[in-house]
All heavy atoms as atom14 arrays in JSON, in Angstrom:
{
  "sequence": "SLLIIVQMISGVITAHYGVEGGGFFGIPLDVVLPQAISR",
  "atom14_mask": [
    [1, 1, 1, 1, 1, 1, 0, 0, 0, 0, 0, 0, 0, 0],
    [1, 1, 1, 1, 1, 1, 1, 1, 0, 0, 0, 0, 0, 0],
    [1, 1, 1, 1, 1, 1, 1, 1, 0, 0, 0, 0, 0, 0],
    [1, 1, 1, 1, 1, 1, 1, 1, 0, 0, 0, 0, 0, 0],
    [1, 1, 1, 1, 1, 1, 1, 1, 0, 0, 0, 0, 0, 0],
    [1, 1, 1, 1, 1, 1, 1, 0, 0, 0, 0, 0, 0, 0],
    [1, 1, 1, 1, 1, 1, 1, 1, 1, 0, 0, 0, 0, 0],
    [1, 1, 1, 1, 1, 1, 1, 1, 0, 0, 0, 0, 0, 0],
    [1, 1, 1, 1, 1, 1, 1, 1, 0, 0, 0, 0, 0, 0],
    [1, 1, 1, 1, 1, 1, 0, 0, 0, 0, 0, 0, 0, 0],
    [1, 1, 1, 1, 0, 0, 0, 0, 0, 0, 0, 0, 0, 0],
    [1, 1, 1, 1, 1, 1, 1, 0, 0, 0, 0, 0, 0, 0],
    [1, 1, 1, 1, 1, 1, 1, 1, 0, 0, 0, 0, 0, 0],
    [1, 1, 1, 1, 1, 1, 1, 0, 0, 0, 0, 0, 0, 0],
    [1, 1, 1, 1, 1, 0, 0, 0, 0, 0, 0, 0, 0, 0],
    [1, 1, 1, 1, 1, 1, 1, 1, 1, 1, 0, 0, 0, 0],
    [1, 1, 1, 1, 1, 1, 1, 1, 1, 1, 1, 1, 0, 0],
    [1, 1, 1, 1, 0, 0, 0, 0, 0, 0, 0, 0, 0, 0],
    [1, 1, 1, 1, 1, 1, 1, 0, 0, 0, 0, 0, 0, 0],
    [1, 1, 1, 1, 1, 1, 1, 1, 1, 0, 0, 0, 0, 0],
    [1, 1, 1, 1, 0, 0, 0, 0, 0, 0, 0, 0, 0, 0],
    [1, 1, 1, 1, 0, 0, 0, 0, 0, 0, 0, 0, 0, 0],
    [1, 1, 1, 1, 0, 0, 0, 0, 0, 0, 0, 0, 0, 0],
    [1, 1, 1, 1, 1, 1, 1, 1, 1, 1, 1, 0, 0, 0],
    [1, 1, 1, 1, 1, 1, 1, 1, 1, 1, 1, 0, 0, 0],
    [1, 1, 1, 1, 0, 0, 0, 0, 0, 0, 0, 0, 0, 0],
    [1, 1, 1, 1, 1, 1, 1, 1, 0, 0, 0, 0, 0, 0],
    [1, 1, 1, 1, 1, 1, 1, 0, 0, 0, 0, 0, 0, 0],
    [1, 1, 1, 1, 1, 1, 1, 1, 0, 0, 0, 0, 0, 0],
    [1, 1, 1, 1, 1, 1, 1, 1, 0, 0, 0, 0, 0, 0],
    [1, 1, 1, 1, 1, 1, 1, 0, 0, 0, 0, 0, 0, 0],
    [1, 1, 1, 1, 1, 1, 1, 0, 0, 0, 0, 0, 0, 0],
    [1, 1, 1, 1, 1, 1, 1, 1, 0, 0, 0, 0, 0, 0],
    [1, 1, 1, 1, 1, 1, 1, 0, 0, 0, 0, 0, 0, 0],
    [1, 1, 1, 1, 1, 1, 1, 1, 1, 0, 0, 0, 0, 0],
    [1, 1, 1, 1, 1, 0, 0, 0, 0, 0, 0, 0, 0, 0],
    [1, 1, 1, 1, 1, 1, 1, 1, 0, 0, 0, 0, 0, 0],
    [1, 1, 1, 1, 1, 1, 0, 0, 0, 0, 0, 0, 0, 0],
    [1, 1, 1, 1, 1, 1, 1, 1, 1, 1, 1, 0, 0, 0]
  ],
  "atom14_positions": [
    [[89.61, 90.78, 106.85], [88.42, 91.36, 106.28], [88.54, 92.79, 105.92], [88.17, 93.22, 104.78], [87.19, 91.16, 107.23], [87.09, 89.73, 107.61], [0.0, 0.0, 0.0], [0.0, 0.0, 0.0], [0.0, 0.0, 0.0], [0.0, 0.0, 0.0], [0.0, 0.0, 0.0], [0.0, 0.0, 0.0], [0.0, 0.0, 0.0], [0.0, 0.0, 0.0]],
    [[89.17, 93.55, 106.73], [89.32, 94.98, 106.49], [90.29, 95.26, 105.33], [90.04, 96.02, 104.5], [89.81, 95.65, 107.85], [90.06, 97.15, 107.73], [88.81, 97.92, 107.41], [90.64, 97.73, 109.02], [0.0, 0.0, 0.0], [0.0, 0.0, 0.0], [0.0, 0.0, 0.0], [0.0, 0.0, 0.0], [0.0, 0.0, 0.0], [0.0, 0.0, 0.0]],
    [[91.37, 94.48, 105.44], [92.33, 94.6, 104.26], [91.82, 94.22, 102.98], [92.02, 94.9, 101.95], [93.6, 93.69, 104.6], [94.4, 94.18, 105.85], [95.62, 93.22, 106.04], [94.98, 95.55, 105.56], [0.0, 0.0, 0.0], [0.0, 0.0, 0.0], [0.0, 0.0, 0.0], [0.0, 0.0, 0.0], [0.0, 0.0, 0.0], [0.0, 0.0, 0.0]],
    [[90.93, 93.2, 102.89], [90.34, 92.81, 101.64], [89.42, 94.0, 101.11], [89.46, 94.34, 99.96], [89.42, 91.51, 101.87], [90.38, 90.35, 102.0], [88.49, 91.3, 100.59], [89.56, 89.0, 102.36], [0.0, 0.0, 0.0], [0.0, 0.0, 0.0], [0.0, 0.0, 0.0], [0.0, 0.0, 0.0], [0.0, 0.0, 0.0], [0.0, 0.0, 0.0]],
    [[88.64, 94.59, 102.02], [87.75, 95.74, 101.63], [88.66, 96.87, 101.07], [88.35, 97.43, 100.07], [86.95, 96.18, 102.79], [85.97, 95.1, 103.13], [86.27, 97.48, 102.39], [85.14, 95.39, 104.41], [0.0, 0.0, 0.0], [0.0, 0.0, 0.0], [0.0, 0.0, 0.0], [0.0, 0.0, 0.0], [0.0, 0.0, 0.0], [0.0, 0.0, 0.0]],
    [[89.68, 97.24, 101.77], [90.5, 98.33, 101.36], [91.24, 97.95, 100.04], [91.47, 98.75, 99.14], [91.62, 98.81, 102.42], [92.42, 99.85, 101.92], [90.84, 99.16, 103.61], [0.0, 0.0, 0.0], [0.0, 0.0, 0.0], [0.0, 0.0, 0.0], [0.0, 0.0, 0.0], [0.0, 0.0, 0.0], [0.0, 0.0, 0.0], [0.0, 0.0, 0.0]],
    [[91.62, 96.75, 99.94], [92.29, 96.26, 98.62], [91.29, 96.34, 97.52], [91.68, 96.77, 96.38], [92.79, 94.88, 98.78], [93.75, 94.44, 97.61], [93.43, 93.07, 97.13], [92.61, 92.39, 97.6], [94.19, 92.7, 96.03], [0.0, 0.0, 0.0], [0.0, 0.0, 0.0], [0.0, 0.0, 0.0], [0.0, 0.0, 0.0], [0.0, 0.0, 0.0]],
    [[90.03, 95.98, 97.72], [89.1, 96.09, 96.67], [88.86, 97.57, 96.26], [88.77, 97.95, 94.97], [87.76, 95.44, 97.12], [87.8, 94.0, 97.32], [86.31, 93.33, 98.02], [85.11, 93.73, 96.85], [0.0, 0.0, 0.0], [0.0, 0.0, 0.0], [0.0, 0.0, 0.0], [0.0, 0.0, 0.0], [0.0, 0.0, 0.0], [0.0, 0.0, 0.0]],
    [[88.77, 98.48, 97.15], [88.62, 99.87, 96.83], [89.83, 100.37, 96.07], [89.62, 101.09, 95.12], [88.42, 100.69, 98.22], [87.21, 100.27, 98.86], [88.49, 102.24, 97.86], [86.97, 100.93, 100.19], [0.0, 0.0, 0.0], [0.0, 0.0, 0.0], [0.0, 0.0, 0.0], [0.0, 0.0, 0.0], [0.0, 0.0, 0.0], [0.0, 0.0, 0.0]],
    [[91.0, 100.11, 96.51], [92.25, 100.54, 95.75], [92.32, 99.94, 94.34], [92.73, 100.62, 93.5], [93.5, 100.23, 96.54], [93.63, 98.86, 96.65], [0.0, 0.0, 0.0], [0.0, 0.0, 0.0], [0.0, 0.0, 0.0], [0.0, 0.0, 0.0], [0.0, 0.0, 0.0], [0.0, 0.0, 0.0], [0.0, 0.0, 0.0], [0.0, 0.0, 0.0]],
    [[91.79, 98.66, 94.25], [91.7, 98.03, 92.9], [90.73, 98.78, 91.95], [91.03, 98.92, 90.85], [0.0, 0.0, 0.0], [0.0, 0.0, 0.0], [0.0, 0.0, 0.0], [0.0, 0.0, 0.0], [0.0, 0.0, 0.0], [0.0, 0.0, 0.0], [0.0, 0.0, 0.0], [0.0, 0.0, 0.0], [0.0, 0.0, 0.0], [0.0, 0.0, 0.0]],
    [[89.51, 99.2, 92.59], [88.57, 99.96, 91.64], [89.22, 101.29, 91.22], [89.16, 101.63, 90.05], [87.26, 100.12, 92.59], [86.39, 101.23, 91.88], [86.61, 98.89, 92.78], [0.0, 0.0, 0.0], [0.0, 0.0, 0.0], [0.0, 0.0, 0.0], [0.0, 0.0, 0.0], [0.0, 0.0, 0.0], [0.0, 0.0, 0.0], [0.0, 0.0, 0.0]],
    [[89.93, 101.99, 92.13], [90.56, 103.21, 91.75], [91.65, 102.99, 90.72], [91.72, 103.73, 89.72], [91.09, 103.87, 93.13], [90.03, 104.23, 94.08], [91.98, 105.07, 92.69], [90.48, 104.75, 95.38], [0.0, 0.0, 0.0], [0.0, 0.0, 0.0], [0.0, 0.0, 0.0], [0.0, 0.0, 0.0], [0.0, 0.0, 0.0], [0.0, 0.0, 0.0]],
    [[92.37, 101.97, 90.91], [93.42, 101.73, 89.98], [92.97, 101.35, 88.6], [93.44, 101.79, 87.58], [94.37, 100.59, 90.44], [94.89, 100.83, 91.67], [95.49, 100.25, 89.57], [0.0, 0.0, 0.0], [0.0, 0.0, 0.0], [0.0, 0.0, 0.0], [0.0, 0.0, 0.0], [0.0, 0.0, 0.0], [0.0, 0.0, 0.0], [0.0, 0.0, 0.0]],
    [[91.87, 100.57, 88.59], [91.22, 100.15, 87.32], [90.69, 101.32, 86.56], [90.87, 101.53, 85.39], [90.16, 99.09, 87.54], [0.0, 0.0, 0.0], [0.0, 0.0, 0.0], [0.0, 0.0, 0.0], [0.0, 0.0, 0.0], [0.0, 0.0, 0.0], [0.0, 0.0, 0.0], [0.0, 0.0, 0.0], [0.0, 0.0, 0.0], [0.0, 0.0, 0.0]],
    [[90.1, 102.35, 87.37], [89.5, 103.49, 86.79], [90.55, 104.48, 86.17], [90.28, 105.11, 85.22], [88.7, 104.25, 87.76], [87.81, 105.34, 87.3], [86.68, 105.12, 86.49], [88.03, 106.68, 87.16], [86.14, 106.24, 86.08], [87.01, 107.17, 86.44], [0.0, 0.0, 0.0], [0.0, 0.0, 0.0], [0.0, 0.0, 0.0], [0.0, 0.0, 0.0]],
    [[91.8, 104.42, 86.71], [92.88, 105.24, 86.1], [93.19, 104.78, 84.76], [93.71, 105.52, 83.93], [94.15, 105.07, 86.95], [94.13, 106.1, 88.12], [94.42, 105.65, 89.45], [94.01, 107.47, 87.92], [94.47, 106.55, 90.45], [94.0, 108.41, 89.01], [94.34, 107.93, 90.31], [94.28, 108.85, 91.24], [0.0, 0.0, 0.0], [0.0, 0.0, 0.0]],
    [[92.86, 103.52, 84.43], [93.01, 103.02, 83.08], [92.05, 103.64, 82.0], [92.21, 103.6, 80.83], [0.0, 0.0, 0.0], [0.0, 0.0, 0.0], [0.0, 0.0, 0.0], [0.0, 0.0, 0.0], [0.0, 0.0, 0.0], [0.0, 0.0, 0.0], [0.0, 0.0, 0.0], [0.0, 0.0, 0.0], [0.0, 0.0, 0.0], [0.0, 0.0, 0.0]],
    [[90.96, 104.21, 82.62], [89.94, 104.89, 81.78], [90.06, 106.4, 81.91], [90.02, 107.11, 80.82], [88.53, 104.47, 82.28], [87.41, 105.23, 81.37], [88.45, 102.97, 82.19], [0.0, 0.0, 0.0], [0.0, 0.0, 0.0], [0.0, 0.0, 0.0], [0.0, 0.0, 0.0], [0.0, 0.0, 0.0], [0.0, 0.0, 0.0], [0.0, 0.0, 0.0]],
    [[90.21, 106.89, 83.09], [90.28, 108.36, 83.3], [91.56, 108.57, 84.03], [91.69, 108.64, 85.29], [89.14, 108.84, 84.11], [89.05, 110.34, 84.32], [87.92, 110.69, 85.19], [87.07, 109.76, 85.48], [87.77, 111.89, 85.58], [0.0, 0.0, 0.0], [0.0, 0.0, 0.0], [0.0, 0.0, 0.0], [0.0, 0.0, 0.0], [0.0, 0.0, 0.0]],
    [[92.76, 108.74, 83.28], [94.0, 108.72, 83.82], [94.36, 109.86, 84.87], [95.26, 109.8, 85.63], [0.0, 0.0, 0.0], [0.0, 0.0, 0.0], [0.0, 0.0, 0.0], [0.0, 0.0, 0.0], [0.0, 0.0, 0.0], [0.0, 0.0, 0.0], [0.0, 0.0, 0.0], [0.0, 0.0, 0.0], [0.0, 0.0, 0.0], [0.0, 0.0, 0.0]],
    [[93.57, 110.95, 84.77], [93.87, 112.11, 85.69], [93.01, 112.24, 86.83], [93.13, 113.18, 87.68], [0.0, 0.0, 0.0], [0.0, 0.0, 0.0], [0.0, 0.0, 0.0], [0.0, 0.0, 0.0], [0.0, 0.0, 0.0], [0.0, 0.0, 0.0], [0.0, 0.0, 0.0], [0.0, 0.0, 0.0], [0.0, 0.0, 0.0], [0.0, 0.0, 0.0]],
    [[92.05, 111.32, 87.12], [91.06, 111.47, 88.25], [90.21, 110.25, 88.36], [90.31, 109.21, 87.81], [0.0, 0.0, 0.0], [0.0, 0.0, 0.0], [0.0, 0.0, 0.0], [0.0, 0.0, 0.0], [0.0, 0.0, 0.0], [0.0, 0.0, 0.0], [0.0, 0.0, 0.0], [0.0, 0.0, 0.0], [0.0, 0.0, 0.0], [0.0, 0.0, 0.0]],
    [[89.15, 110.52, 89.14], [88.11, 109.47, 89.51], [86.81, 110.18, 89.38], [86.29, 110.81, 90.23], [88.34, 108.92, 90.93], [87.5, 107.8, 91.25], [87.8, 106.55, 90.78], [86.42, 107.89, 92.11], [87.11, 105.39, 91.13], [85.69, 106.81, 92.37], [85.97, 105.62, 91.98], [0.0, 0.0, 0.0], [0.0, 0.0, 0.0], [0.0, 0.0, 0.0]],
    [[86.09, 109.85, 88.17], [84.8, 110.39, 87.86], [84.84, 111.91, 88.02], [83.93, 112.56, 88.68], [83.68, 109.82, 88.78], [83.44, 108.36, 88.48], [83.98, 107.35, 89.26], [82.68, 107.88, 87.32], [83.72, 106.02, 89.0], [82.52, 106.6, 87.11], [83.05, 105.67, 87.93], [0.0, 0.0, 0.0], [0.0, 0.0, 0.0], [0.0, 0.0, 0.0]],
    [[85.88, 112.58, 87.41], [85.93, 114.03, 87.5], [86.55, 114.56, 88.64], [86.98, 115.8, 88.68], [0.0, 0.0, 0.0], [0.0, 0.0, 0.0], [0.0, 0.0, 0.0], [0.0, 0.0, 0.0], [0.0, 0.0, 0.0], [0.0, 0.0, 0.0], [0.0, 0.0, 0.0], [0.0, 0.0, 0.0], [0.0, 0.0, 0.0], [0.0, 0.0, 0.0]],
    [[86.84, 113.72, 89.61], [87.58, 114.34, 90.9], [89.06, 114.07, 90.62], [89.46, 113.08, 90.32], [87.08, 113.52, 92.09], [85.63, 113.61, 92.39], [87.91, 113.96, 93.36], [85.1, 112.66, 93.45], [0.0, 0.0, 0.0], [0.0, 0.0, 0.0], [0.0, 0.0, 0.0], [0.0, 0.0, 0.0], [0.0, 0.0, 0.0], [0.0, 0.0, 0.0]],
    [[89.82, 115.19, 90.73], [91.32, 115.06, 90.52], [92.03, 114.25, 91.64], [92.86, 114.77, 92.36], [91.73, 116.56, 90.47], [90.77, 117.23, 91.31], [89.45, 116.5, 91.05], [0.0, 0.0, 0.0], [0.0, 0.0, 0.0], [0.0, 0.0, 0.0], [0.0, 0.0, 0.0], [0.0, 0.0, 0.0], [0.0, 0.0, 0.0], [0.0, 0.0, 0.0]],
    [[91.78, 113.11, 91.64], [92.19, 112.2, 92.74], [93.75, 112.0, 92.65], [94.38, 111.69, 93.79], [91.52, 110.89, 92.75], [91.71, 109.96, 93.95], [91.24, 110.56, 95.26], [90.98, 108.59, 93.71], [0.0, 0.0, 0.0], [0.0, 0.0, 0.0], [0.0, 0.0, 0.0], [0.0, 0.0, 0.0], [0.0, 0.0, 0.0], [0.0, 0.0, 0.0]],
    [[94.22, 112.1, 91.42], [95.79, 111.86, 91.36], [96.57, 112.92, 92.2], [97.76, 112.74, 92.23], [96.19, 111.82, 89.94], [95.92, 113.06, 89.18], [95.2, 113.89, 89.6], [96.6, 113.23, 88.09], [0.0, 0.0, 0.0], [0.0, 0.0, 0.0], [0.0, 0.0, 0.0], [0.0, 0.0, 0.0], [0.0, 0.0, 0.0], [0.0, 0.0, 0.0]],
    [[95.98, 113.99, 92.52], [96.72, 115.03, 93.3], [97.19, 114.53, 94.65], [98.14, 114.74, 95.17], [95.82, 116.33, 93.39], [96.56, 117.32, 94.28], [95.57, 116.87, 92.07], [0.0, 0.0, 0.0], [0.0, 0.0, 0.0], [0.0, 0.0, 0.0], [0.0, 0.0, 0.0], [0.0, 0.0, 0.0], [0.0, 0.0, 0.0], [0.0, 0.0, 0.0]],
    [[96.29, 113.61, 95.2], [96.56, 113.06, 96.59], [96.85, 111.58, 96.53], [97.49, 110.98, 97.5], [95.42, 113.45, 97.57], [95.5, 114.9, 97.82], [94.14, 112.92, 97.06], [0.0, 0.0, 0.0], [0.0, 0.0, 0.0], [0.0, 0.0, 0.0], [0.0, 0.0, 0.0], [0.0, 0.0, 0.0], [0.0, 0.0, 0.0], [0.0, 0.0, 0.0]],
    [[96.31, 110.88, 95.45], [96.4, 109.42, 95.42], [96.65, 109.02, 93.98], [95.77, 108.58, 93.27], [95.19, 108.78, 95.93], [95.24, 107.23, 96.16], [96.23, 106.87, 97.4], [93.89, 106.63, 96.42], [0.0, 0.0, 0.0], [0.0, 0.0, 0.0], [0.0, 0.0, 0.0], [0.0, 0.0, 0.0], [0.0, 0.0, 0.0], [0.0, 0.0, 0.0]],
    [[97.83, 109.25, 93.44], [98.13, 108.87, 92.06], [98.13, 107.36, 91.8], [98.13, 106.64, 92.74], [99.58, 109.38, 91.8], [100.18, 109.58, 93.2], [99.05, 109.95, 94.11], [0.0, 0.0, 0.0], [0.0, 0.0, 0.0], [0.0, 0.0, 0.0], [0.0, 0.0, 0.0], [0.0, 0.0, 0.0], [0.0, 0.0, 0.0], [0.0, 0.0, 0.0]],
    [[97.98, 106.97, 90.51], [97.9, 105.59, 90.29], [98.98, 104.75, 90.82], [98.86, 103.64, 91.15], [97.84, 105.46, 88.64], [97.58, 104.05, 88.08], [98.95, 103.28, 87.92], [98.91, 102.0, 87.84], [100.03, 104.0, 87.7], [0.0, 0.0, 0.0], [0.0, 0.0, 0.0], [0.0, 0.0, 0.0], [0.0, 0.0, 0.0], [0.0, 0.0, 0.0]],
    [[100.27, 105.37, 90.82], [101.36, 104.59, 91.4], [101.14, 104.12, 92.8], [101.51, 103.07, 93.22], [102.67, 105.4, 91.35], [0.0, 0.0, 0.0], [0.0, 0.0, 0.0], [0.0, 0.0, 0.0], [0.0, 0.0, 0.0], [0.0, 0.0, 0.0], [0.0, 0.0, 0.0], [0.0, 0.0, 0.0], [0.0, 0.0, 0.0], [0.0, 0.0, 0.0]],
    [[100.42, 104.96, 93.6], [100.14, 104.57, 95.03], [98.91, 103.61, 95.11], [99.07, 102.57, 95.81], [99.85, 105.87, 95.92], [101.09, 106.77, 95.82], [99.41, 105.47, 97.22], [100.81, 108.11, 96.61], [0.0, 0.0, 0.0], [0.0, 0.0, 0.0], [0.0, 0.0, 0.0], [0.0, 0.0, 0.0], [0.0, 0.0, 0.0], [0.0, 0.0, 0.0]],
    [[97.87, 103.86, 94.32], [96.75, 103.02, 94.49], [97.1, 101.61, 93.93], [96.71, 100.6, 94.53], [95.51, 103.61, 93.7], [95.84, 103.49, 92.26], [0.0, 0.0, 0.0], [0.0, 0.0, 0.0], [0.0, 0.0, 0.0], [0.0, 0.0, 0.0], [0.0, 0.0, 0.0], [0.0, 0.0, 0.0], [0.0, 0.0, 0.0], [0.0, 0.0, 0.0]],
    [[97.9, 101.58, 92.94], [98.27, 100.16, 92.42], [99.23, 99.48, 93.41], [99.1, 98.28, 93.65], [98.94, 100.39, 91.08], [99.19, 99.02, 90.36], [99.76, 99.12, 88.98], [99.73, 97.96, 88.26], [100.57, 96.84, 88.31], [101.56, 96.97, 89.12], [100.42, 95.8, 87.61], [0.0, 0.0, 0.0], [0.0, 0.0, 0.0], [0.0, 0.0, 0.0]]
  ]
}
């Protein structure tokens, strides 16, 4: 159950990188969690 939840979160982040390649709703998330890692 825990892994499914974390997988869903990482999937949302990865999908958002297809829209905003440098971050997550303005937050420069790729500095600590780039698309390569979230995917």
